[in-house]
Protein backbone atom coordinates (compact mmCIF):
# COMPACT_ATOMS: atom_id res chain seq x y z
CA UNK A 1 -24.73 28.58 6.06
CA UNK A 2 -28.11 30.11 5.20
CA UNK A 3 -28.61 30.76 1.50
CA UNK A 4 -31.29 32.31 -0.66
CA UNK A 5 -32.83 30.38 -3.53
CA UNK A 6 -30.26 32.06 -5.76
CA UNK A 7 -27.38 30.77 -3.61
CA UNK A 8 -26.48 34.09 -1.97
CA UNK A 9 -25.94 34.39 1.77
CA UNK A 10 -28.85 35.58 3.88
CA UNK A 11 -28.19 38.62 6.03
CA UNK A 12 -28.70 38.59 9.78
CA UNK A 13 -31.74 40.83 9.23
CA UNK A 14 -33.26 38.35 6.75
CA UNK A 15 -32.68 35.44 9.12
CA UNK A 16 -34.23 37.39 11.99
CA UNK A 17 -37.33 38.22 9.91
CA UNK A 18 -37.74 34.57 8.91
CA UNK A 19 -37.33 33.42 12.51
CA UNK A 20 -39.98 35.92 13.65
CA UNK A 21 -42.48 34.60 11.12
CA UNK A 22 -41.79 30.98 12.05
CA UNK A 23 -42.05 31.69 15.79
CA UNK A 24 -45.47 33.29 15.31
CA UNK A 25 -46.70 30.14 13.57
CA UNK A 26 -45.20 27.98 16.34
CA UNK A 27 -46.77 30.02 19.15
CA UNK A 28 -43.41 31.26 20.47
CA UNK A 29 -43.22 34.85 21.72
CA UNK A 30 -41.32 36.92 19.12
CA UNK A 31 -39.51 38.69 21.99
CA UNK A 32 -37.75 35.38 22.73
CA UNK A 33 -36.37 34.83 19.22
CA UNK A 34 -32.98 36.09 18.02
CA UNK A 35 -30.49 34.79 15.42
CA UNK A 36 -27.93 34.31 18.22
CA UNK A 37 -30.28 31.67 19.68
CA UNK A 38 -29.25 29.46 16.74
CA UNK A 39 -25.65 29.65 17.96
CA UNK A 40 -26.74 28.50 21.40
CA UNK A 41 -28.85 25.71 19.92
CA UNK A 42 -25.88 24.56 17.83
CA UNK A 43 -23.57 24.66 20.87
CA UNK A 44 -25.91 22.57 23.01
CA UNK A 45 -26.50 20.02 20.23
CA UNK A 46 -22.76 19.78 19.47
CA UNK A 47 -21.93 19.30 23.14
CA UNK A 48 -24.65 16.64 23.63
CA UNK A 49 -23.14 14.75 20.70
CA UNK A 50 -19.43 15.10 21.56
CA UNK A 51 -19.30 15.90 25.30
CA UNK A 52 -16.13 17.84 24.46
CA UNK A 53 -16.26 21.43 25.70
CA UNK A 54 -12.72 22.18 24.48
CA UNK A 55 -13.59 21.15 20.92
CA UNK A 56 -16.81 23.17 21.13
CA UNK A 57 -14.82 26.22 22.23
CA UNK A 58 -12.60 25.80 19.16
CA UNK A 59 -15.59 25.47 16.84
CA UNK A 60 -17.24 28.57 18.32
CA UNK A 61 -13.98 30.52 18.24
CA UNK A 62 -13.80 31.06 21.99
CA UNK A 63 -10.42 31.52 23.65
CA UNK A 64 -11.87 30.76 27.09
CA UNK A 65 -13.76 27.67 28.21
CA UNK A 66 -15.63 29.93 30.64
CA UNK A 67 -17.22 31.69 27.69
CA UNK A 68 -18.20 28.37 26.13
CA UNK A 69 -19.73 27.11 29.39
CA UNK A 70 -22.25 29.97 29.24
CA UNK A 71 -23.74 28.27 26.19
CA UNK A 72 -24.18 25.03 28.15
CA UNK A 73 -25.85 26.31 31.32
CA UNK A 74 -28.82 24.17 32.24
CA UNK A 75 -32.01 25.07 34.06
CA UNK A 76 -33.20 23.85 37.43
CA UNK A 77 -35.78 21.69 35.65
CA UNK A 78 -33.02 20.05 33.59
CA UNK A 79 -31.02 19.40 36.75
CA UNK A 80 -34.06 17.83 38.40
CA UNK A 81 -34.71 15.61 35.38
CA UNK A 82 -31.08 14.38 35.48
CA UNK A 83 -31.32 13.70 39.23
CA UNK A 84 -34.63 11.87 38.78
CA UNK A 85 -33.05 9.71 36.05
CA UNK A 86 -30.46 8.51 38.60
CA UNK A 87 -33.30 7.04 40.67
CA UNK A 88 -31.36 7.51 43.89
CA UNK A 89 -34.38 8.82 45.79
CA UNK A 90 -37.80 7.21 45.55
């Protein structure tokens, strides 16, 4: 998925180093940045688009939907935003 200018695959170490340099420029703490975060970002984006957790599990290679659900856990702030959008309480 990630290729060098010469068309060769980047190693996990190369991706991590690139992510660390980008996070510094973006003001994100380097301790929060890992290549596996890209997998989580992909999972959340895929799920937002398809709303199909079973298909996401297949794409990620998970045999259990419980494992896939870990990638989709939302924060309290996200829950509050969704509740506020319902406009049930003024």
